[in-house]
Amino acid sequence: AWRQIATKFTRSLASGQGFRHRTAGGGGYGDPLERDVAAVLFDVRNG
């Protein structure tokens, strides 16, 4: 099972053990409702 752990740590790691890290996403600039709809469509099409 996957469980959340601290942002900063030192710990042992066993053979076969997995770790997953996700960075933060960058902040946006300007009102999202003013974003060009074509840019939103481009982002959706590209996942």
All heavy atoms as atom14 arrays in JSON, in Angstrom:
{
  "sequence": "AWRQIATKFTRSLASGQGFRHRTAGGGGYGDPLERDVAAVLFDVRNG",
  "atom14_mask": [
    [1, 1, 1, 1, 1, 0, 0, 0, 0, 0, 0, 0, 0, 0],
    [1, 1, 1, 1, 1, 1, 1, 1, 1, 1, 1, 1, 1, 1],
    [1, 1, 1, 1, 1, 1, 1, 1, 1, 1, 1, 0, 0, 0],
    [1, 1, 1, 1, 1, 1, 1, 1, 1, 0, 0, 0, 0, 0],
    [1, 1, 1, 1, 1, 1, 1, 1, 0, 0, 0, 0, 0, 0],
    [1, 1, 1, 1, 1, 0, 0, 0, 0, 0, 0, 0, 0, 0],
    [1, 1, 1, 1, 1, 1, 1, 0, 0, 0, 0, 0, 0, 0],
    [1, 1, 1, 1, 1, 1, 1, 1, 1, 0, 0, 0, 0, 0],
    [1, 1, 1, 1, 1, 1, 1, 1, 1, 1, 1, 0, 0, 0],
    [1, 1, 1, 1, 1, 1, 1, 0, 0, 0, 0, 0, 0, 0],
    [1, 1, 1, 1, 1, 1, 1, 1, 1, 1, 1, 0, 0, 0],
    [1, 1, 1, 1, 1, 1, 0, 0, 0, 0, 0, 0, 0, 0],
    [1, 1, 1, 1, 1, 1, 1, 1, 0, 0, 0, 0, 0, 0],
    [1, 1, 1, 1, 1, 0, 0, 0, 0, 0, 0, 0, 0, 0],
    [1, 1, 1, 1, 1, 1, 0, 0, 0, 0, 0, 0, 0, 0],
    [1, 1, 1, 1, 0, 0, 0, 0, 0, 0, 0, 0, 0, 0],
    [1, 1, 1, 1, 1, 1, 1, 1, 1, 0, 0, 0, 0, 0],
    [1, 1, 1, 1, 0, 0, 0, 0, 0, 0, 0, 0, 0, 0],
    [1, 1, 1, 1, 1, 1, 1, 1, 1, 1, 1, 0, 0, 0],
    [1, 1, 1, 1, 1, 1, 1, 1, 1, 1, 1, 0, 0, 0],
    [1, 1, 1, 1, 1, 1, 1, 1, 1, 1, 0, 0, 0, 0],
    [1, 1, 1, 1, 1, 1, 1, 1, 1, 1, 1, 0, 0, 0],
    [1, 1, 1, 1, 1, 1, 1, 0, 0, 0, 0, 0, 0, 0],
    [1, 1, 1, 1, 1, 0, 0, 0, 0, 0, 0, 0, 0, 0],
    [1, 1, 1, 1, 0, 0, 0, 0, 0, 0, 0, 0, 0, 0],
    [1, 1, 1, 1, 0, 0, 0, 0, 0, 0, 0, 0, 0, 0],
    [1, 1, 1, 1, 0, 0, 0, 0, 0, 0, 0, 0, 0, 0],
    [1, 1, 1, 1, 0, 0, 0, 0, 0, 0, 0, 0, 0, 0],
    [1, 1, 1, 1, 1, 1, 1, 1, 1, 1, 1, 1, 0, 0],
    [1, 1, 1, 1, 0, 0, 0, 0, 0, 0, 0, 0, 0, 0],
    [1, 1, 1, 1, 1, 1, 1, 1, 0, 0, 0, 0, 0, 0],
    [1, 1, 1, 1, 1, 1, 1, 0, 0, 0, 0, 0, 0, 0],
    [1, 1, 1, 1, 1, 1, 1, 1, 0, 0, 0, 0, 0, 0],
    [1, 1, 1, 1, 1, 1, 1, 1, 1, 0, 0, 0, 0, 0],
    [1, 1, 1, 1, 1, 1, 1, 1, 1, 1, 1, 0, 0, 0],
    [1, 1, 1, 1, 1, 1, 1, 1, 0, 0, 0, 0, 0, 0],
    [1, 1, 1, 1, 1, 1, 1, 0, 0, 0, 0, 0, 0, 0],
    [1, 1, 1, 1, 1, 0, 0, 0, 0, 0, 0, 0, 0, 0],
    [1, 1, 1, 1, 1, 0, 0, 0, 0, 0, 0, 0, 0, 0],
    [1, 1, 1, 1, 1, 1, 1, 0, 0, 0, 0, 0, 0, 0],
    [1, 1, 1, 1, 1, 1, 1, 1, 0, 0, 0, 0, 0, 0],
    [1, 1, 1, 1, 1, 1, 1, 1, 1, 1, 1, 0, 0, 0],
    [1, 1, 1, 1, 1, 1, 1, 1, 0, 0, 0, 0, 0, 0],
    [1, 1, 1, 1, 1, 1, 1, 0, 0, 0, 0, 0, 0, 0],
    [1, 1, 1, 1, 1, 1, 1, 1, 1, 1, 1, 0, 0, 0],
    [1, 1, 1, 1, 1, 1, 1, 1, 0, 0, 0, 0, 0, 0],
    [1, 1, 1, 1, 0, 0, 0, 0, 0, 0, 0, 0, 0, 0]
  ],
  "atom14_positions": [
    [[0.84, -1.19, 0.0], [0.0, 0.0, 0.0], [0.88, 1.25, 0.0], [2.0, 1.24, 0.53], [-0.91, 0.0, 1.22], [0.0, 0.0, 0.0], [0.0, 0.0, 0.0], [0.0, 0.0, 0.0], [0.0, 0.0, 0.0], [0.0, 0.0, 0.0], [0.0, 0.0, 0.0], [0.0, 0.0, 0.0], [0.0, 0.0, 0.0], [0.0, 0.0, 0.0]],
    [[0.36, 2.33, -0.59], [1.08, 3.6, -0.64], [0.57, 4.5, 0.47], [-0.63, 4.7, 0.62], [0.88, 4.29, -1.99], [1.5, 3.55, -3.14], [0.92, 2.6, -3.91], [2.84, 3.69, -3.62], [1.79, 2.13, -4.86], [2.99, 2.79, -4.71], [3.92, 4.49, -3.26], [4.17, 2.68, -5.42], [5.1, 4.37, -3.97], [5.23, 3.47, -5.04]],
    [[1.5, 5.04, 1.27], [1.09, 5.96, 2.32], [1.92, 7.24, 2.25], [3.09, 7.24, 1.84], [1.23, 5.33, 3.7], [2.66, 5.08, 4.18], [2.66, 4.52, 5.59], [4.02, 4.36, 6.12], [4.68, 5.33, 6.75], [4.1, 6.5, 6.94], [5.91, 5.13, 7.2], [0.0, 0.0, 0.0], [0.0, 0.0, 0.0], [0.0, 0.0, 0.0]],
    [[1.29, 8.34, 2.65], [1.96, 9.63, 2.59], [3.0, 9.76, 3.7], [2.77, 9.34, 4.84], [0.93, 10.76, 2.73], [1.51, 12.15, 2.49], [0.45, 13.23, 2.64], [-0.06, 13.48, 3.72], [0.12, 13.88, 1.53], [0.0, 0.0, 0.0], [0.0, 0.0, 0.0], [0.0, 0.0, 0.0], [0.0, 0.0, 0.0], [0.0, 0.0, 0.0]],
    [[4.15, 10.34, 3.35], [5.19, 10.59, 4.35], [5.6, 12.06, 4.26], [5.12, 12.82, 3.4], [6.41, 9.67, 4.16], [7.0, 9.81, 2.74], [6.05, 8.23, 4.43], [8.26, 8.99, 2.54], [0.0, 0.0, 0.0], [0.0, 0.0, 0.0], [0.0, 0.0, 0.0], [0.0, 0.0, 0.0], [0.0, 0.0, 0.0], [0.0, 0.0, 0.0]],
    [[6.49, 12.48, 5.14], [6.83, 13.89, 5.31], [7.49, 14.48, 4.07], [7.97, 13.77, 3.18], [7.75, 14.04, 6.52], [0.0, 0.0, 0.0], [0.0, 0.0, 0.0], [0.0, 0.0, 0.0], [0.0, 0.0, 0.0], [0.0, 0.0, 0.0], [0.0, 0.0, 0.0], [0.0, 0.0, 0.0], [0.0, 0.0, 0.0], [0.0, 0.0, 0.0]],
    [[7.54, 15.81, 4.02], [8.19, 16.5, 2.9], [9.7, 16.39, 2.97], [10.38, 16.48, 1.94], [7.8, 17.99, 2.87], [8.19, 18.6, 4.1], [6.3, 18.16, 2.68], [0.0, 0.0, 0.0], [0.0, 0.0, 0.0], [0.0, 0.0, 0.0], [0.0, 0.0, 0.0], [0.0, 0.0, 0.0], [0.0, 0.0, 0.0], [0.0, 0.0, 0.0]],
    [[10.24, 16.24, 4.17], [11.69, 16.12, 4.37], [11.93, 14.95, 5.32], [11.31, 14.89, 6.38], [12.26, 17.41, 4.98], [11.93, 18.67, 4.18], [12.24, 19.93, 4.97], [11.76, 21.16, 4.25], [10.27, 21.24, 4.22], [0.0, 0.0, 0.0], [0.0, 0.0, 0.0], [0.0, 0.0, 0.0], [0.0, 0.0, 0.0], [0.0, 0.0, 0.0]],
    [[12.79, 14.04, 4.95], [12.97, 12.86, 5.8], [14.3, 12.18, 5.52], [14.93, 12.37, 4.48], [11.83, 11.86, 5.58], [11.73, 11.34, 4.17], [12.55, 10.31, 3.72], [10.81, 11.87, 3.27], [12.46, 9.82, 2.42], [10.71, 11.4, 1.98], [11.54, 10.37, 1.55], [0.0, 0.0, 0.0], [0.0, 0.0, 0.0], [0.0, 0.0, 0.0]],
    [[14.71, 11.37, 6.48], [15.8, 10.4, 6.33], [15.28, 9.09, 6.89], [14.81, 9.05, 8.02], [17.06, 10.83, 7.09], [17.49, 12.11, 6.62], [18.18, 9.82, 6.9], [0.0, 0.0, 0.0], [0.0, 0.0, 0.0], [0.0, 0.0, 0.0], [0.0, 0.0, 0.0], [0.0, 0.0, 0.0], [0.0, 0.0, 0.0], [0.0, 0.0, 0.0]],
    [[15.33, 8.03, 6.1], [14.77, 6.75, 6.53], [15.46, 5.62, 5.78], [16.17, 5.83, 4.79], [13.26, 6.71, 6.3], [12.85, 6.89, 4.85], [11.36, 6.63, 4.63], [11.02, 5.3, 5.05], [10.08, 5.03, 5.96], [9.38, 5.99, 6.51], [9.81, 3.78, 6.31], [0.0, 0.0, 0.0], [0.0, 0.0, 0.0], [0.0, 0.0, 0.0]],
    [[15.23, 4.41, 6.27], [15.79, 3.24, 5.59], [14.9, 2.86, 4.42], [13.7, 3.15, 4.4], [15.91, 2.07, 6.57], [14.62, 1.74, 7.08], [0.0, 0.0, 0.0], [0.0, 0.0, 0.0], [0.0, 0.0, 0.0], [0.0, 0.0, 0.0], [0.0, 0.0, 0.0], [0.0, 0.0, 0.0], [0.0, 0.0, 0.0], [0.0, 0.0, 0.0]],
    [[15.51, 2.2, 3.45], [14.79, 1.75, 2.26], [15.13, 0.27, 2.06], [16.3, -0.1, 1.98], [15.23, 2.57, 1.05], [14.29, 2.62, -0.17], [12.94, 3.2, 0.21], [14.93, 3.46, -1.28], [0.0, 0.0, 0.0], [0.0, 0.0, 0.0], [0.0, 0.0, 0.0], [0.0, 0.0, 0.0], [0.0, 0.0, 0.0], [0.0, 0.0, 0.0]],
    [[14.09, -0.55, 1.99], [14.29, -1.99, 1.87], [14.34, -2.41, 0.41], [13.87, -1.7, -0.49], [13.17, -2.72, 2.6], [0.0, 0.0, 0.0], [0.0, 0.0, 0.0], [0.0, 0.0, 0.0], [0.0, 0.0, 0.0], [0.0, 0.0, 0.0], [0.0, 0.0, 0.0], [0.0, 0.0, 0.0], [0.0, 0.0, 0.0], [0.0, 0.0, 0.0]],
    [[14.87, -3.58, 0.17], [14.92, -4.11, -1.19], [13.51, -4.26, -1.75], [12.62, -4.79, -1.1], [15.63, -5.47, -1.18], [15.68, -6.01, -2.48], [0.0, 0.0, 0.0], [0.0, 0.0, 0.0], [0.0, 0.0, 0.0], [0.0, 0.0, 0.0], [0.0, 0.0, 0.0], [0.0, 0.0, 0.0], [0.0, 0.0, 0.0], [0.0, 0.0, 0.0]],
    [[13.32, -3.74, -2.96], [12.02, -3.83, -3.63], [11.04, -2.75, -3.24], [9.93, -2.7, -3.79], [0.0, 0.0, 0.0], [0.0, 0.0, 0.0], [0.0, 0.0, 0.0], [0.0, 0.0, 0.0], [0.0, 0.0, 0.0], [0.0, 0.0, 0.0], [0.0, 0.0, 0.0], [0.0, 0.0, 0.0], [0.0, 0.0, 0.0], [0.0, 0.0, 0.0]],
    [[11.41, -1.87, -2.32], [10.47, -0.84, -1.86], [10.38, 0.3, -2.86], [11.37, 0.7, -3.47], [10.91, -0.31, -0.5], [9.82, 0.46, 0.25], [10.18, 0.63, 1.71], [11.33, 0.54, 2.12], [9.16, 0.86, 2.54], [0.0, 0.0, 0.0], [0.0, 0.0, 0.0], [0.0, 0.0, 0.0], [0.0, 0.0, 0.0], [0.0, 0.0, 0.0]],
    [[9.17, 0.83, -3.05], [8.94, 1.89, -4.01], [8.69, 3.23, -3.34], [8.24, 3.31, -2.19], [0.0, 0.0, 0.0], [0.0, 0.0, 0.0], [0.0, 0.0, 0.0], [0.0, 0.0, 0.0], [0.0, 0.0, 0.0], [0.0, 0.0, 0.0], [0.0, 0.0, 0.0], [0.0, 0.0, 0.0], [0.0, 0.0, 0.0], [0.0, 0.0, 0.0]],
    [[9.0, 4.3, -4.07], [8.77, 5.65, -3.6], [8.26, 6.49, -4.76], [8.73, 6.36, -5.89], [10.06, 6.26, -3.05], [9.94, 7.73, -2.71], [9.26, 8.14, -1.57], [10.48, 8.69, -3.56], [9.13, 9.49, -1.28], [10.35, 10.04, -3.27], [9.69, 10.44, -2.12], [0.0, 0.0, 0.0], [0.0, 0.0, 0.0], [0.0, 0.0, 0.0]],
    [[7.29, 7.36, -4.48], [6.7, 8.22, -5.52], [6.72, 9.66, -5.04], [6.22, 9.97, -3.95], [5.28, 7.78, -5.83], [4.61, 8.57, -6.97], [3.15, 8.15, -7.1], [3.02, 6.71, -7.32], [1.9, 6.03, -7.11], [0.81, 6.64, -6.65], [1.87, 4.72, -7.33], [0.0, 0.0, 0.0], [0.0, 0.0, 0.0], [0.0, 0.0, 0.0]],
    [[7.31, 10.52, -5.84], [7.34, 11.95, -5.5], [6.64, 12.76, -6.58], [6.85, 12.52, -7.78], [8.78, 12.46, -5.37], [8.87, 13.95, -5.21], [8.4, 14.6, -4.09], [9.34, 14.92, -6.04], [8.58, 15.9, -4.21], [9.16, 16.12, -5.39], [0.0, 0.0, 0.0], [0.0, 0.0, 0.0], [0.0, 0.0, 0.0], [0.0, 0.0, 0.0]],
    [[5.83, 13.7, -6.14], [5.18, 14.64, -7.05], [5.58, 16.05, -6.64], [5.39, 16.45, -5.49], [3.66, 14.49, -7.01], [2.92, 15.48, -7.9], [1.42, 15.29, -7.86], [1.02, 14.01, -8.45], [-0.24, 13.65, -8.63], [-1.23, 14.44, -8.24], [-0.52, 12.48, -9.18], [0.0, 0.0, 0.0], [0.0, 0.0, 0.0], [0.0, 0.0, 0.0]],
    [[6.15, 16.8, -7.55], [6.49, 18.18, -7.26], [5.21, 19.02, -7.23], [4.14, 18.56, -7.63], [7.43, 18.77, -8.32], [6.72, 18.91, -9.56], [8.64, 17.88, -8.54], [0.0, 0.0, 0.0], [0.0, 0.0, 0.0], [0.0, 0.0, 0.0], [0.0, 0.0, 0.0], [0.0, 0.0, 0.0], [0.0, 0.0, 0.0], [0.0, 0.0, 0.0]],
    [[5.32, 20.23, -6.76], [4.2, 21.17, -6.86], [4.11, 21.69, -8.29], [5.08, 21.67, -9.04], [4.4, 22.32, -5.88], [0.0, 0.0, 0.0], [0.0, 0.0, 0.0], [0.0, 0.0, 0.0], [0.0, 0.0, 0.0], [0.0, 0.0, 0.0], [0.0, 0.0, 0.0], [0.0, 0.0, 0.0], [0.0, 0.0, 0.0], [0.0, 0.0, 0.0]],
    [[2.93, 22.16, -8.66], [2.74, 22.81, -9.96], [2.95, 24.31, -9.81], [2.8, 24.88, -8.74], [0.0, 0.0, 0.0], [0.0, 0.0, 0.0], [0.0, 0.0, 0.0], [0.0, 0.0, 0.0], [0.0, 0.0, 0.0], [0.0, 0.0, 0.0], [0.0, 0.0, 0.0], [0.0, 0.0, 0.0], [0.0, 0.0, 0.0], [0.0, 0.0, 0.0]],
    [[3.31, 24.97, -10.91], [3.54, 26.42, -10.88], [2.25, 27.2, -10.77], [1.18, 26.76, -11.22], [0.0, 0.0, 0.0], [0.0, 0.0, 0.0], [0.0, 0.0, 0.0], [0.0, 0.0, 0.0], [0.0, 0.0, 0.0], [0.0, 0.0, 0.0], [0.0, 0.0, 0.0], [0.0, 0.0, 0.0], [0.0, 0.0, 0.0], [0.0, 0.0, 0.0]],
    [[2.33, 28.38, -10.16], [1.16, 29.25, -10.04], [0.79, 29.88, -11.37], [1.64, 30.06, -12.25], [0.0, 0.0, 0.0], [0.0, 0.0, 0.0], [0.0, 0.0, 0.0], [0.0, 0.0, 0.0], [0.0, 0.0, 0.0], [0.0, 0.0, 0.0], [0.0, 0.0, 0.0], [0.0, 0.0, 0.0], [0.0, 0.0, 0.0], [0.0, 0.0, 0.0]],
    [[-0.48, 30.22, -11.52], [-0.95, 30.87, -12.74], [-0.85, 32.39, -12.64], [-0.72, 32.95, -11.56], [0.0, 0.0, 0.0], [0.0, 0.0, 0.0], [0.0, 0.0, 0.0], [0.0, 0.0, 0.0], [0.0, 0.0, 0.0], [0.0, 0.0, 0.0], [0.0, 0.0, 0.0], [0.0, 0.0, 0.0], [0.0, 0.0, 0.0], [0.0, 0.0, 0.0]],
    [[-0.92, 33.04, -13.79], [-0.87, 34.5, -13.84], [-2.08, 35.01, -14.6], [-2.34, 34.6, -15.73], [0.41, 34.97, -14.53], [0.62, 36.47, -14.47], [1.49, 37.02, -13.54], [-0.06, 37.34, -15.32], [1.68, 38.4, -13.46], [0.12, 38.71, -15.26], [0.99, 39.24, -14.32], [1.16, 40.6, -14.24], [0.0, 0.0, 0.0], [0.0, 0.0, 0.0]],
    [[-2.83, 35.9, -13.97], [-3.99, 36.5, -14.61], [-5.26, 35.67, -14.41], [-5.21, 34.5, -14.01], [0.0, 0.0, 0.0], [0.0, 0.0, 0.0], [0.0, 0.0, 0.0], [0.0, 0.0, 0.0], [0.0, 0.0, 0.0], [0.0, 0.0, 0.0], [0.0, 0.0, 0.0], [0.0, 0.0, 0.0], [0.0, 0.0, 0.0], [0.0, 0.0, 0.0]],
    [[-6.39, 36.27, -14.68], [-7.69, 35.66, -14.47], [-7.87, 34.45, -15.39], [-7.77, 34.58, -16.62], [-8.78, 36.7, -14.76], [-10.18, 36.23, -14.41], [-10.38, 35.01, -14.2], [-11.09, 37.07, -14.35], [0.0, 0.0, 0.0], [0.0, 0.0, 0.0], [0.0, 0.0, 0.0], [0.0, 0.0, 0.0], [0.0, 0.0, 0.0], [0.0, 0.0, 0.0]],
    [[-8.15, 33.26, -14.84], [-8.34, 32.08, -15.69], [-9.49, 32.23, -16.69], [-9.45, 31.63, -17.77], [-8.64, 30.96, -14.69], [-8.11, 31.44, -13.39], [-8.22, 32.93, -13.4], [0.0, 0.0, 0.0], [0.0, 0.0, 0.0], [0.0, 0.0, 0.0], [0.0, 0.0, 0.0], [0.0, 0.0, 0.0], [0.0, 0.0, 0.0], [0.0, 0.0, 0.0]],
    [[-10.5, 33.04, -16.34], [-11.64, 33.22, -17.24], [-11.29, 34.1, -18.43], [-12.11, 34.26, -19.34], [-12.82, 33.79, -16.48], [-13.35, 32.91, -15.34], [-14.61, 33.52, -14.74], [-13.62, 31.49, -15.82], [0.0, 0.0, 0.0], [0.0, 0.0, 0.0], [0.0, 0.0, 0.0], [0.0, 0.0, 0.0], [0.0, 0.0, 0.0], [0.0, 0.0, 0.0]],
    [[-10.08, 34.69, -18.42], [-9.62, 35.48, -19.55], [-8.69, 34.68, -20.47], [-8.19, 35.2, -21.45], [-8.88, 36.73, -19.05], [-9.74, 37.68, -18.22], [-10.89, 38.24, -19.02], [-10.71, 38.52, -20.23], [-11.99, 38.4, -18.45], [0.0, 0.0, 0.0], [0.0, 0.0, 0.0], [0.0, 0.0, 0.0], [0.0, 0.0, 0.0], [0.0, 0.0, 0.0]],
    [[-8.45, 33.43, -20.13], [-7.54, 32.62, -20.96], [-8.16, 32.35, -22.32], [-9.36, 32.06, -22.44], [-7.21, 31.31, -20.26], [-6.18, 30.43, -21.01], [-5.64, 29.34, -20.11], [-4.74, 28.42, -20.77], [-3.47, 28.66, -21.07], [-2.94, 29.82, -20.78], [-2.71, 27.73, -21.66], [0.0, 0.0, 0.0], [0.0, 0.0, 0.0], [0.0, 0.0, 0.0]],
    [[-7.33, 32.43, -23.34], [-7.77, 32.16, -24.71], [-8.34, 30.74, -24.78], [-7.7, 29.78, -24.37], [-6.57, 32.3, -25.64], [-6.92, 32.14, -27.11], [-8.11, 31.91, -27.42], [-6.01, 32.22, -27.95], [0.0, 0.0, 0.0], [0.0, 0.0, 0.0], [0.0, 0.0, 0.0], [0.0, 0.0, 0.0], [0.0, 0.0, 0.0], [0.0, 0.0, 0.0]],
    [[-9.56, 30.62, -25.31], [-10.2, 29.3, -25.36], [-9.4, 28.33, -26.23], [-9.39, 27.12, -25.98], [-11.65, 29.41, -25.86], [-12.5, 30.22, -24.89], [-11.72, 30.01, -27.25], [0.0, 0.0, 0.0], [0.0, 0.0, 0.0], [0.0, 0.0, 0.0], [0.0, 0.0, 0.0], [0.0, 0.0, 0.0], [0.0, 0.0, 0.0], [0.0, 0.0, 0.0]],
    [[-8.7, 28.87, -27.24], [-7.88, 28.0, -28.1], [-6.72, 27.4, -27.29], [-6.33, 26.25, -27.51], [-7.35, 28.77, -29.3], [0.0, 0.0, 0.0], [0.0, 0.0, 0.0], [0.0, 0.0, 0.0], [0.0, 0.0, 0.0], [0.0, 0.0, 0.0], [0.0, 0.0, 0.0], [0.0, 0.0, 0.0], [0.0, 0.0, 0.0], [0.0, 0.0, 0.0]],
    [[-6.17, 28.19, -26.35], [-5.09, 27.68, -25.51], [-5.61, 26.59, -24.59], [-4.91, 25.6, -24.31], [-4.47, 28.83, -24.71], [0.0, 0.0, 0.0], [0.0, 0.0, 0.0], [0.0, 0.0, 0.0], [0.0, 0.0, 0.0], [0.0, 0.0, 0.0], [0.0, 0.0, 0.0], [0.0, 0.0, 0.0], [0.0, 0.0, 0.0], [0.0, 0.0, 0.0]],
    [[-6.83, 26.75, -24.08], [-7.42, 25.71, -23.22], [-7.64, 24.44, -24.04], [-7.33, 23.33, -23.59], [-8.74, 26.2, -22.6], [-9.37, 25.09, -21.76], [-8.5, 27.44, -21.74], [0.0, 0.0, 0.0], [0.0, 0.0, 0.0], [0.0, 0.0, 0.0], [0.0, 0.0, 0.0], [0.0, 0.0, 0.0], [0.0, 0.0, 0.0], [0.0, 0.0, 0.0]],
    [[-8.16, 24.58, -25.25], [-8.37, 23.41, -26.11], [-7.04, 22.71, -26.4], [-6.96, 21.48, -26.35], [-9.02, 23.85, -27.43], [-9.22, 22.75, -28.48], [-10.12, 21.65, -27.96], [-9.77, 23.35, -29.79], [0.0, 0.0, 0.0], [0.0, 0.0, 0.0], [0.0, 0.0, 0.0], [0.0, 0.0, 0.0], [0.0, 0.0, 0.0], [0.0, 0.0, 0.0]],
    [[-5.99, 23.49, -26.66], [-4.68, 22.91, -26.91], [-4.21, 22.11, -25.7], [-3.7, 20.99, -25.85], [-3.68, 24.03, -27.23], [-2.28, 23.55, -27.48], [-1.89, 23.11, -28.74], [-1.35, 23.53, -26.45], [-0.59, 22.66, -28.96], [-0.05, 23.08, -26.66], [0.32, 22.64, -27.92], [0.0, 0.0, 0.0], [0.0, 0.0, 0.0], [0.0, 0.0, 0.0]],
    [[-4.38, 22.66, -24.5], [-3.96, 21.96, -23.28], [-4.74, 20.67, -23.08], [-4.19, 19.65, -22.66], [-4.14, 22.87, -22.06], [-3.02, 23.89, -21.93], [-2.0, 23.75, -22.63], [-3.17, 24.84, -21.13], [0.0, 0.0, 0.0], [0.0, 0.0, 0.0], [0.0, 0.0, 0.0], [0.0, 0.0, 0.0], [0.0, 0.0, 0.0], [0.0, 0.0, 0.0]],
    [[-6.04, 20.7, -23.36], [-6.87, 19.5, -23.2], [-6.43, 18.42, -24.18], [-6.26, 17.24, -23.82], [-8.36, 19.84, -23.37], [-9.2, 18.55, -23.45], [-8.86, 20.72, -22.23], [0.0, 0.0, 0.0], [0.0, 0.0, 0.0], [0.0, 0.0, 0.0], [0.0, 0.0, 0.0], [0.0, 0.0, 0.0], [0.0, 0.0, 0.0], [0.0, 0.0, 0.0]],
    [[-6.2, 18.81, -25.41], [-5.81, 17.83, -26.42], [-4.44, 17.21, -26.11], [-4.17, 16.08, -26.52], [-5.77, 18.48, -27.8], [-7.14, 18.93, -28.3], [-7.1, 19.37, -29.75], [-6.78, 18.27, -30.64], [-6.73, 18.38, -31.96], [-6.97, 19.54, -32.55], [-6.41, 17.33, -32.71], [0.0, 0.0, 0.0], [0.0, 0.0, 0.0], [0.0, 0.0, 0.0]],
    [[-3.61, 17.96, -25.38], [-2.27, 17.46, -25.04], [-2.19, 16.86, -23.65], [-1.09, 16.54, -23.17], [-1.25, 18.59, -25.19], [-0.91, 18.88, -26.63], [-0.07, 18.2, -27.23], [-1.58, 19.87, -27.21], [0.0, 0.0, 0.0], [0.0, 0.0, 0.0], [0.0, 0.0, 0.0], [0.0, 0.0, 0.0], [0.0, 0.0, 0.0], [0.0, 0.0, 0.0]],
    [[-3.33, 16.7, -23.0], [-3.36, 16.03, -21.71], [-2.89, 16.87, -20.55], [-2.7, 16.36, -19.44], [0.0, 0.0, 0.0], [0.0, 0.0, 0.0], [0.0, 0.0, 0.0], [0.0, 0.0, 0.0], [0.0, 0.0, 0.0], [0.0, 0.0, 0.0], [0.0, 0.0, 0.0], [0.0, 0.0, 0.0], [0.0, 0.0, 0.0], [0.0, 0.0, 0.0]]
  ]
}
